[in-house]
Amino acid sequence: MSIEYRNDHLFVEDLSCQDLAKKYGTPLYVYSRAHLERQWQAIDQALAAIDHKICYAVKANSNLAVLSVLVKLGSYFDVVSIGEIERVLRAGGRADRIVFSGVGKTTAELNAALKLGIHCFNVESAAELERLAAIAATLGLIAPVSVRVNPDVDAKTHPYISTGLKDNKFGIIWDEIESVYQQAAQHESLKIVGIDCHIGSQLTEVSPFNDAIDKLLEVIGRLSKQGISFQHIDLGGGFGVTYRDEPTFDLQGYADAVVEKIGPLGLSVMVEPGRYIAANAGLMLVEVQYLKHSEHKNFCIVDGSMSELIRPALYSAWQRIDAVELSSDTPSDVYDVVGPVCESSDFLGKDRTLAVKQGDILAVQSSGAYGFGMASNYNTRCRPAELLIDGDKVHVARRRESLDDVLALEAPL
């Protein structure tokens, strides 16, 4: 294990969380290189029987050090902004290994991505298709496109991270997908290379993926009769991870289904995992500031907040919270673990049994995905440092912000 207790002390790889907190301060994000590599390689091995590309979803954790680890593994990347494209390039990635998704690509973003020569545009509306075709024609370039299908498949996940239902903003609805591909085929400045689908995040069952694959294969069959062919099928991401007691995602069962259903077509398969690779590679360390007891509720007030980790407040997400040093001398109690931000929604966990005292360090586990990337400066809080641990070595992946950093872009009257 990359994150584990040794003699009642929590370690990330070969370094003590207590020591890291003491040296680098809190709140503090800490990531394990070994875990990132292991998760990526598990997907690569599961899909070994079919031609495939793993496109890491940059939005999950876009730190340059994290991206550079994946670049070295040979990863492709799924991005949703020109900023994420720039991150991949600065981490040593290649433009021709970038897939550009997202519903609101601007003219400037499409123009820049075309000039860079990215691998594929995942088009999400007929209007976007027309804009991309016009820009490519003006530049004298051919834009490789894949159309994102909204298959109206229920991923059975949190409504905020469900993306494959007809009520969601993503992709092109089922009834219009053929006409959009026919529209694409009429443009000399576009080249149809694939078909795309992403039905949601944090899926713990294989069956919704199977339903989505079947729908994509149905579309491919109909379009092939009209002379429209494909090089790849992009199945998106969404592989679930264990935060609490969720069942372990059956990666091999998923891969076996992919090989069985898609293998006979000879198409390359693309997948876009983010959370599956990064979530349990990281944790956030916080320090207990005060313990506040009352007749009705006990509060463990820490120096981390919704500004640094918004998932609990935004999604009511559950993440395990542990003391980094276990002690039998400290009595346990049930606490709400809360931060200093002036919002009642500012909590990291509720009703947690903890044996803690003022000054102790806690670890908010499973914080490697959608943690720092969603952090803000709300309440004029400085965003924390990020560390990448490689065995017994520390790489400061991002230094802690200062107030000067936070205020640098502002000007008083």
Protein backbone atom coordinates (compact mmCIF):
# COMPACT_ATOMS: atom_id res chain seq x y z
CA MET A 1 0.00 0.00 0.00
CA SER A 2 1.16 3.53 -0.77
CA ILE A 3 -0.77 5.11 2.13
CA GLU A 4 -0.82 3.03 5.30
CA TYR A 5 -0.18 2.93 9.05
CA ARG A 6 3.16 1.72 10.34
CA ASN A 7 3.47 1.40 14.11
CA ASP A 8 0.41 3.63 14.55
CA HIS A 9 1.86 6.39 12.34
CA LEU A 10 0.33 7.19 8.93
CA PHE A 11 2.78 7.12 6.03
CA VAL A 12 2.60 8.14 2.39
CA GLU A 13 5.07 5.78 0.79
CA ASP A 14 8.14 6.04 3.05
CA LEU A 15 7.40 9.38 4.69
CA SER A 16 5.49 10.12 7.87
CA CYS A 17 2.45 12.39 7.53
CA GLN A 18 3.28 13.88 10.94
CA ASP A 19 6.72 14.87 9.73
CA LEU A 20 5.37 16.25 6.45
CA ALA A 21 2.82 18.40 8.28
CA LYS A 22 5.47 19.70 10.66
CA LYS A 23 7.86 20.65 7.84
CA TYR A 24 5.46 21.95 5.19
CA GLY A 25 2.52 23.18 7.29
CA THR A 26 -1.20 22.59 6.99
CA PRO A 27 -3.57 22.40 5.20
CA LEU A 28 -1.41 20.28 2.92
CA TYR A 29 -2.13 18.02 -0.06
CA VAL A 30 0.09 14.94 -0.34
CA TYR A 31 0.12 12.54 -3.33
CA SER A 32 1.74 9.16 -3.90
CA ARG A 33 3.53 8.66 -7.20
CA ALA A 34 3.43 4.88 -6.78
CA HIS A 35 -0.37 4.87 -6.46
CA LEU A 36 -0.82 7.04 -9.56
CA GLU A 37 1.38 4.70 -11.57
CA ARG A 38 -0.24 1.55 -10.20
CA GLN A 39 -3.78 2.67 -11.07
CA TRP A 40 -2.86 3.74 -14.60
CA GLN A 41 -1.00 0.50 -15.23
CA ALA A 42 -3.94 -1.57 -13.92
CA ILE A 43 -6.19 -0.08 -16.61
CA ASP A 44 -3.49 -0.56 -19.24
CA GLN A 45 -3.10 -4.22 -18.34
CA ALA A 46 -6.84 -4.89 -18.13
CA LEU A 47 -7.32 -3.62 -21.70
CA ALA A 48 -4.17 -5.28 -23.07
CA ALA A 49 -6.18 -7.59 -25.36
CA ILE A 50 -7.46 -4.67 -27.45
CA ASP A 51 -5.87 -1.62 -29.04
CA HIS A 52 -6.50 1.17 -26.54
CA LYS A 53 -5.51 4.62 -25.30
CA ILE A 54 -5.83 5.80 -21.71
CA CYS A 55 -6.77 9.49 -21.75
CA TYR A 56 -6.32 10.76 -18.20
CA ALA A 57 -9.06 13.27 -17.30
CA VAL A 58 -6.98 16.29 -16.38
CA LYS A 59 -9.78 17.95 -14.39
CA ALA A 60 -9.45 15.29 -11.67
CA ASN A 61 -5.99 16.52 -10.63
CA SER A 62 -4.16 18.87 -12.97
CA ASN A 63 -0.96 19.47 -11.01
CA LEU A 64 2.02 19.54 -13.38
CA ALA A 65 3.92 16.96 -11.34
CA VAL A 66 0.97 14.55 -11.45
CA LEU A 67 0.61 15.07 -15.20
CA SER A 68 4.34 14.53 -15.76
CA VAL A 69 4.14 11.16 -13.98
CA LEU A 70 1.43 10.11 -16.44
CA VAL A 71 3.31 11.55 -19.43
CA LYS A 72 6.20 9.25 -18.55
CA LEU A 73 3.81 6.28 -18.59
CA GLY A 74 2.75 7.14 -22.16
CA SER A 75 -0.69 8.47 -21.27
CA TYR A 76 -3.04 10.42 -23.49
CA PHE A 77 -5.06 13.23 -21.89
CA ASP A 78 -8.71 14.32 -21.86
CA VAL A 79 -9.01 18.10 -21.41
CA VAL A 80 -11.86 20.58 -21.18
CA SER A 81 -10.12 23.96 -21.60
CA ILE A 82 -7.16 25.60 -23.27
CA GLY A 83 -5.71 25.97 -19.78
CA GLU A 84 -5.67 22.20 -19.34
CA ILE A 85 -4.05 21.83 -22.78
CA GLU A 86 -1.29 24.20 -21.65
CA ARG A 87 -0.84 22.19 -18.45
CA VAL A 88 -0.32 18.97 -20.42
CA LEU A 89 2.21 20.64 -22.70
CA ARG A 90 4.13 22.17 -19.80
CA ALA A 91 4.23 18.76 -18.12
CA GLY A 92 5.99 17.37 -21.20
CA GLY A 93 2.94 15.94 -22.95
CA ARG A 94 2.39 15.99 -26.69
CA ALA A 95 -0.43 17.84 -28.44
CA ASP A 96 -1.22 14.79 -30.57
CA ARG A 97 -2.06 12.90 -27.36
CA ILE A 98 -4.75 15.37 -26.29
CA VAL A 99 -8.51 14.86 -26.67
CA PHE A 100 -10.53 18.08 -26.24
CA SER A 101 -13.96 17.61 -24.60
CA GLY A 102 -16.41 20.10 -23.08
CA VAL A 103 -19.65 21.77 -24.10
CA GLY A 104 -18.51 25.39 -24.28
CA LYS A 105 -15.30 25.53 -26.34
CA THR A 106 -14.69 29.11 -27.44
CA THR A 107 -13.50 30.25 -30.86
CA ALA A 108 -10.11 31.10 -29.37
CA GLU A 109 -9.81 27.65 -27.78
CA LEU A 110 -10.75 25.81 -30.97
CA ASN A 111 -8.36 27.96 -32.99
CA ALA A 112 -5.45 27.32 -30.64
CA ALA A 113 -6.12 23.58 -30.36
CA LEU A 114 -6.32 23.23 -34.15
CA LYS A 115 -2.99 24.97 -34.62
CA LEU A 116 -1.40 22.70 -32.01
CA GLY A 117 -2.56 19.58 -33.86
CA ILE A 118 -4.41 17.79 -31.06
CA HIS A 119 -5.51 14.20 -31.43
CA CYS A 120 -9.28 14.73 -31.51
CA PHE A 121 -12.13 17.12 -30.74
CA ASN A 122 -15.05 15.57 -28.88
CA VAL A 123 -17.86 17.69 -30.34
CA GLU A 124 -20.88 18.21 -28.09
CA SER A 125 -23.36 20.17 -30.24
CA ALA A 126 -24.27 20.85 -33.86
CA ALA A 127 -23.39 24.50 -33.34
CA GLU A 128 -19.91 23.59 -32.12
CA LEU A 129 -19.45 21.35 -35.14
CA GLU A 130 -20.22 24.26 -37.50
CA ARG A 131 -17.89 26.62 -35.63
CA LEU A 132 -15.05 24.08 -35.70
CA ALA A 133 -15.55 23.40 -39.41
CA ALA A 134 -15.45 27.11 -40.23
CA ILE A 135 -12.30 27.74 -38.17
CA ALA A 136 -10.52 24.73 -39.68
CA ALA A 137 -11.44 25.85 -43.19
CA THR A 138 -10.10 29.36 -42.53
CA LEU A 139 -6.83 27.90 -41.23
CA GLY A 140 -6.57 25.42 -44.10
CA LEU A 141 -6.54 22.51 -41.64
CA ILE A 142 -8.51 19.31 -41.16
CA ALA A 143 -10.07 18.90 -37.72
CA PRO A 144 -10.30 15.32 -36.40
CA VAL A 145 -13.70 14.95 -34.75
CA SER A 146 -15.65 12.56 -32.60
CA VAL A 147 -19.25 13.32 -31.70
CA ARG A 148 -20.29 12.83 -28.09
CA VAL A 149 -23.46 10.81 -27.81
CA ASN A 150 -25.85 11.41 -24.92
CA PRO A 151 -27.31 7.87 -24.76
CA ASP A 152 -29.87 8.60 -22.00
CA VAL A 153 -28.34 5.91 -19.77
CA ASP A 154 -28.84 6.19 -16.01
CA ALA A 155 -25.43 5.91 -14.36
CA LYS A 156 -27.11 5.66 -10.93
CA THR A 157 -24.73 8.16 -9.39
CA HIS A 158 -25.02 11.60 -7.74
CA PRO A 159 -27.12 13.92 -9.95
CA TYR A 160 -24.33 16.51 -10.07
CA ILE A 161 -21.92 14.00 -11.65
CA SER A 162 -24.38 12.21 -13.93
CA THR A 163 -23.71 13.22 -17.54
CA GLY A 164 -25.46 10.68 -19.77
CA LEU A 165 -29.15 11.46 -19.24
CA LYS A 166 -31.24 13.43 -21.74
CA ASP A 167 -31.70 16.17 -19.11
CA ASN A 168 -27.93 16.72 -18.85
CA LYS A 169 -26.12 19.40 -20.86
CA PHE A 170 -23.54 17.01 -22.26
CA GLY A 171 -23.42 15.48 -25.71
CA ILE A 172 -25.98 15.21 -28.49
CA ILE A 173 -29.31 13.58 -27.77
CA TRP A 174 -30.02 10.15 -29.14
CA ASP A 175 -32.57 11.24 -31.76
CA GLU A 176 -30.18 13.72 -33.39
CA ILE A 177 -26.89 11.85 -33.43
CA GLU A 178 -27.19 10.47 -36.99
CA SER A 179 -28.04 13.85 -38.49
CA VAL A 180 -25.05 15.46 -36.76
CA TYR A 181 -22.70 12.83 -38.17
CA GLN A 182 -24.22 13.37 -41.61
CA GLN A 183 -23.64 17.09 -41.11
CA ALA A 184 -20.00 16.44 -40.19
CA ALA A 185 -19.47 14.23 -43.24
CA GLN A 186 -20.40 17.14 -45.54
CA HIS A 187 -17.54 19.36 -44.35
CA GLU A 188 -14.22 18.99 -46.15
CA SER A 189 -12.48 20.61 -43.20
CA LEU A 190 -13.61 17.86 -40.79
CA LYS A 191 -12.47 14.26 -40.54
CA ILE A 192 -14.67 11.84 -38.60
CA VAL A 193 -12.37 9.66 -36.52
CA GLY A 194 -14.51 8.43 -33.63
CA ILE A 195 -17.62 8.32 -31.54
CA ASP A 196 -17.69 9.35 -27.89
CA CYS A 197 -19.74 8.80 -24.77
CA HIS A 198 -19.38 9.60 -21.06
CA ILE A 199 -22.32 8.79 -18.81
CA GLY A 200 -21.11 9.98 -15.41
CA SER A 201 -18.61 9.73 -12.61
CA GLN A 202 -18.11 7.38 -9.65
CA LEU A 203 -19.89 4.39 -11.21
CA THR A 204 -19.48 1.23 -9.17
CA GLU A 205 -21.32 -1.17 -11.50
CA VAL A 206 -20.39 -2.38 -14.98
CA SER A 207 -23.97 -2.65 -16.27
CA PRO A 208 -24.44 1.08 -17.14
CA PHE A 209 -21.24 0.94 -19.20
CA ASN A 210 -22.57 -2.11 -21.03
CA ASP A 211 -25.81 -0.28 -21.80
CA ALA A 212 -23.88 2.69 -23.17
CA ILE A 213 -21.60 0.48 -25.30
CA ASP A 214 -24.62 -1.28 -26.80
CA LYS A 215 -26.15 2.05 -27.76
CA LEU A 216 -22.90 3.26 -29.34
CA LEU A 217 -22.60 0.03 -31.32
CA GLU A 218 -26.15 0.51 -32.57
CA VAL A 219 -25.25 3.99 -33.87
CA ILE A 220 -22.04 2.71 -35.46
CA GLY A 221 -23.98 -0.02 -37.24
CA ARG A 222 -26.50 2.42 -38.67
CA LEU A 223 -23.90 4.96 -39.75
CA SER A 224 -21.65 2.36 -41.36
CA LYS A 225 -24.50 1.58 -43.78
CA GLN A 226 -24.39 5.25 -44.77
CA GLY A 227 -20.68 5.14 -45.53
CA ILE A 228 -19.51 6.74 -42.27
CA SER A 229 -16.65 4.85 -40.64
CA PHE A 230 -14.68 5.24 -37.42
CA GLN A 231 -11.16 4.69 -36.14
CA HIS A 232 -11.96 4.69 -32.43
CA ILE A 233 -14.72 4.46 -29.88
CA ASP A 234 -14.31 6.64 -26.78
CA LEU A 235 -16.10 5.19 -23.75
CA GLY A 236 -15.34 8.04 -21.36
CA GLY A 237 -14.40 7.44 -17.75
CA GLY A 238 -16.33 7.26 -14.51
CA PHE A 239 -14.77 4.16 -12.90
CA GLY A 240 -15.75 4.31 -9.25
CA VAL A 241 -13.37 4.25 -6.30
CA THR A 242 -13.85 3.28 -2.67
CA TYR A 243 -14.34 6.23 -0.35
CA ARG A 244 -16.28 4.45 2.37
CA ASP A 245 -17.95 1.12 1.70
CA GLU A 246 -18.57 1.28 -2.05
CA PRO A 247 -17.97 -2.03 -3.84
CA THR A 248 -14.65 -2.27 -5.64
CA PHE A 249 -15.14 -1.48 -9.31
CA ASP A 250 -14.80 -4.63 -11.42
CA LEU A 251 -12.16 -3.29 -13.79
CA GLN A 252 -11.43 -6.66 -15.36
CA GLY A 253 -15.13 -7.37 -15.84
CA TYR A 254 -15.47 -4.02 -17.56
CA ALA A 255 -12.43 -4.71 -19.75
CA ASP A 256 -13.70 -8.18 -20.68
CA ALA A 257 -17.01 -6.68 -21.81
CA VAL A 258 -15.20 -4.03 -23.86
CA VAL A 259 -13.05 -6.64 -25.59
CA GLU A 260 -16.03 -8.91 -26.27
CA LYS A 261 -18.30 -6.20 -27.65
CA ILE A 262 -15.83 -3.95 -29.48
CA GLY A 263 -12.98 -6.30 -30.36
CA PRO A 264 -14.72 -7.79 -33.44
CA LEU A 265 -15.08 -4.30 -34.97
CA GLY A 266 -11.34 -3.67 -35.01
CA LEU A 267 -11.75 -0.23 -33.48
CA SER A 268 -9.30 1.34 -31.06
CA VAL A 269 -10.81 1.96 -27.62
CA MET A 270 -10.28 5.16 -25.66
CA VAL A 271 -11.09 5.53 -21.96
CA GLU A 272 -10.95 8.72 -19.86
CA PRO A 273 -10.31 7.84 -16.20
CA GLY A 274 -9.44 10.57 -13.73
CA ARG A 275 -10.79 9.83 -10.27
CA TYR A 276 -9.85 6.13 -10.57
CA ILE A 277 -6.20 7.09 -11.01
CA ALA A 278 -5.92 10.02 -8.62
CA ALA A 279 -8.52 9.90 -5.82
CA ASN A 280 -6.89 7.43 -3.45
CA ALA A 281 -3.41 8.57 -4.42
CA GLY A 282 -3.80 11.62 -2.21
CA LEU A 283 -4.85 13.00 1.15
CA MET A 284 -5.19 16.40 2.78
CA LEU A 285 -3.53 17.02 6.12
CA VAL A 286 -5.15 19.46 8.54
CA GLU A 287 -4.41 20.51 12.12
CA VAL A 288 -6.94 20.50 14.95
CA GLN A 289 -7.35 24.08 16.18
CA TYR A 290 -10.07 23.63 18.80
CA LEU A 291 -12.40 21.02 20.25
CA LYS A 292 -15.80 22.53 21.00
CA HIS A 293 -18.23 20.51 23.12
CA SER A 294 -21.90 21.11 23.79
CA GLU A 295 -24.92 19.16 24.96
CA HIS A 296 -26.10 18.64 21.38
CA LYS A 297 -22.99 18.50 19.20
CA ASN A 298 -19.20 18.25 19.38
CA PHE A 299 -17.07 20.11 16.87
CA CYS A 300 -13.50 19.37 15.84
CA ILE A 301 -12.42 22.66 14.30
CA VAL A 302 -9.50 22.29 11.90
CA ASP A 303 -7.51 24.65 9.68
CA GLY A 304 -8.78 23.03 6.45
CA SER A 305 -12.12 24.09 4.98
CA MET A 306 -14.49 23.99 2.04
CA SER A 307 -12.14 26.48 0.38
CA GLU A 308 -9.48 23.76 0.17
CA LEU A 309 -11.79 20.71 -0.22
CA ILE A 310 -15.32 21.44 -1.37
CA ARG A 311 -16.56 17.92 -2.15
CA PRO A 312 -18.23 17.35 1.26
CA ALA A 313 -20.06 20.69 1.08
CA LEU A 314 -20.94 20.45 -2.63
CA TYR A 315 -21.91 16.79 -2.92
CA SER A 316 -22.34 15.76 0.73
CA ALA A 317 -19.41 13.52 -0.19
CA TRP A 318 -18.04 11.19 2.49
CA GLN A 319 -14.28 10.94 2.91
CA ARG A 320 -12.55 9.04 5.68
CA ILE A 321 -10.85 11.20 8.32
CA ASP A 322 -8.07 9.68 10.43
CA ALA A 323 -5.60 10.86 13.03
CA VAL A 324 -2.11 10.50 11.60
CA GLU A 325 -0.84 9.28 14.97
CA LEU A 326 -3.00 6.74 16.80
CA SER A 327 -3.01 7.01 20.58
CA SER A 328 -4.72 4.95 23.25
CA ASP A 329 -4.20 7.77 25.76
CA THR A 330 -6.66 10.15 24.08
CA PRO A 331 -10.38 9.55 24.73
CA SER A 332 -12.59 9.27 21.66
CA ASP A 333 -15.76 11.19 20.97
CA VAL A 334 -18.13 11.86 18.08
CA TYR A 335 -17.39 15.09 16.21
CA ASP A 336 -18.38 17.11 13.22
CA VAL A 337 -15.06 18.02 11.59
CA VAL A 338 -15.47 21.61 10.44
CA GLY A 339 -13.36 24.43 9.08
CA PRO A 340 -13.03 28.16 9.78
CA VAL A 341 -14.96 29.42 6.74
CA CYS A 342 -18.07 31.45 7.60
CA GLU A 343 -20.61 29.04 6.12
CA SER A 344 -22.67 26.36 7.84
CA SER A 345 -21.84 24.13 4.90
CA ASP A 346 -18.13 24.31 5.78
CA PHE A 347 -17.54 20.78 6.98
CA LEU A 348 -15.16 17.98 6.02
CA GLY A 349 -17.05 15.21 7.81
CA LYS A 350 -19.97 14.77 10.17
CA ASP A 351 -20.50 12.38 13.08
CA ARG A 352 -16.95 11.01 13.07
CA THR A 353 -15.59 9.04 16.01
CA LEU A 354 -12.12 10.44 16.68
CA ALA A 355 -9.57 10.25 19.48
CA VAL A 356 -8.04 13.71 19.05
CA LYS A 357 -6.78 16.70 20.98
CA GLN A 358 -5.88 20.25 20.07
CA GLY A 359 -2.79 20.36 17.83
CA ASP A 360 -3.24 16.87 16.40
CA ILE A 361 -2.92 16.29 12.65
CA LEU A 362 -5.78 14.65 10.76
CA ALA A 363 -5.73 13.12 7.29
CA VAL A 364 -8.74 13.58 5.01
CA GLN A 365 -8.31 10.50 2.84
CA SER A 366 -9.17 10.03 -0.85
CA SER A 367 -8.42 13.69 -1.64
CA GLY A 368 -6.28 13.16 -4.74
CA ALA A 369 -9.11 13.86 -7.19
CA TYR A 370 -11.38 16.92 -7.22
CA GLY A 371 -9.57 18.27 -4.18
CA PHE A 372 -7.02 20.98 -4.89
CA GLY A 373 -8.37 21.41 -8.43
CA MET A 374 -11.67 22.72 -7.01
CA ALA A 375 -10.05 24.81 -4.27
CA SER A 376 -10.71 28.55 -4.04
CA ASN A 377 -9.60 31.66 -2.20
CA TYR A 378 -12.99 32.16 -0.53
CA ASN A 379 -12.63 34.14 2.72
CA THR A 380 -9.25 35.24 1.25
CA ARG A 381 -7.67 31.96 2.19
CA CYS A 382 -4.35 30.97 0.66
CA ARG A 383 -4.47 27.70 -1.21
CA PRO A 384 -2.30 24.94 0.28
CA ALA A 385 0.93 23.42 -0.92
CA GLU A 386 0.94 20.14 -2.87
CA LEU A 387 3.58 17.46 -2.39
CA LEU A 388 4.34 14.46 -4.61
CA ILE A 389 5.99 11.64 -2.68
CA ASP A 390 8.29 9.21 -4.47
CA GLY A 391 9.56 6.65 -1.97
CA ASP A 392 11.47 8.71 0.60
CA LYS A 393 11.74 11.77 -1.65
CA VAL A 394 9.53 14.87 -1.59
CA HIS A 395 8.80 16.94 -4.65
CA VAL A 396 7.11 20.26 -3.84
CA ALA A 397 4.59 20.09 -6.68
CA ARG A 398 3.10 23.45 -5.75
CA ARG A 399 4.28 25.86 -3.09
CA ARG A 400 1.82 27.30 -0.61
CA GLU A 401 0.17 30.51 -1.76
CA SER A 402 0.94 33.74 0.06
CA LEU A 403 -1.41 36.66 0.57
CA ASP A 404 0.71 38.55 -1.95
CA ASP A 405 -0.06 35.82 -4.50
CA VAL A 406 -3.78 36.01 -3.78
CA LEU A 407 -3.96 39.81 -4.04
CA ALA A 408 -1.49 40.29 -6.89
CA LEU A 409 -4.13 40.72 -9.61
CA GLU A 410 -6.22 43.27 -7.73
CA ALA A 411 -5.88 47.04 -7.54
CA PRO A 412 -7.51 49.42 -5.03
CA LEU A 413 -9.03 52.68 -6.21
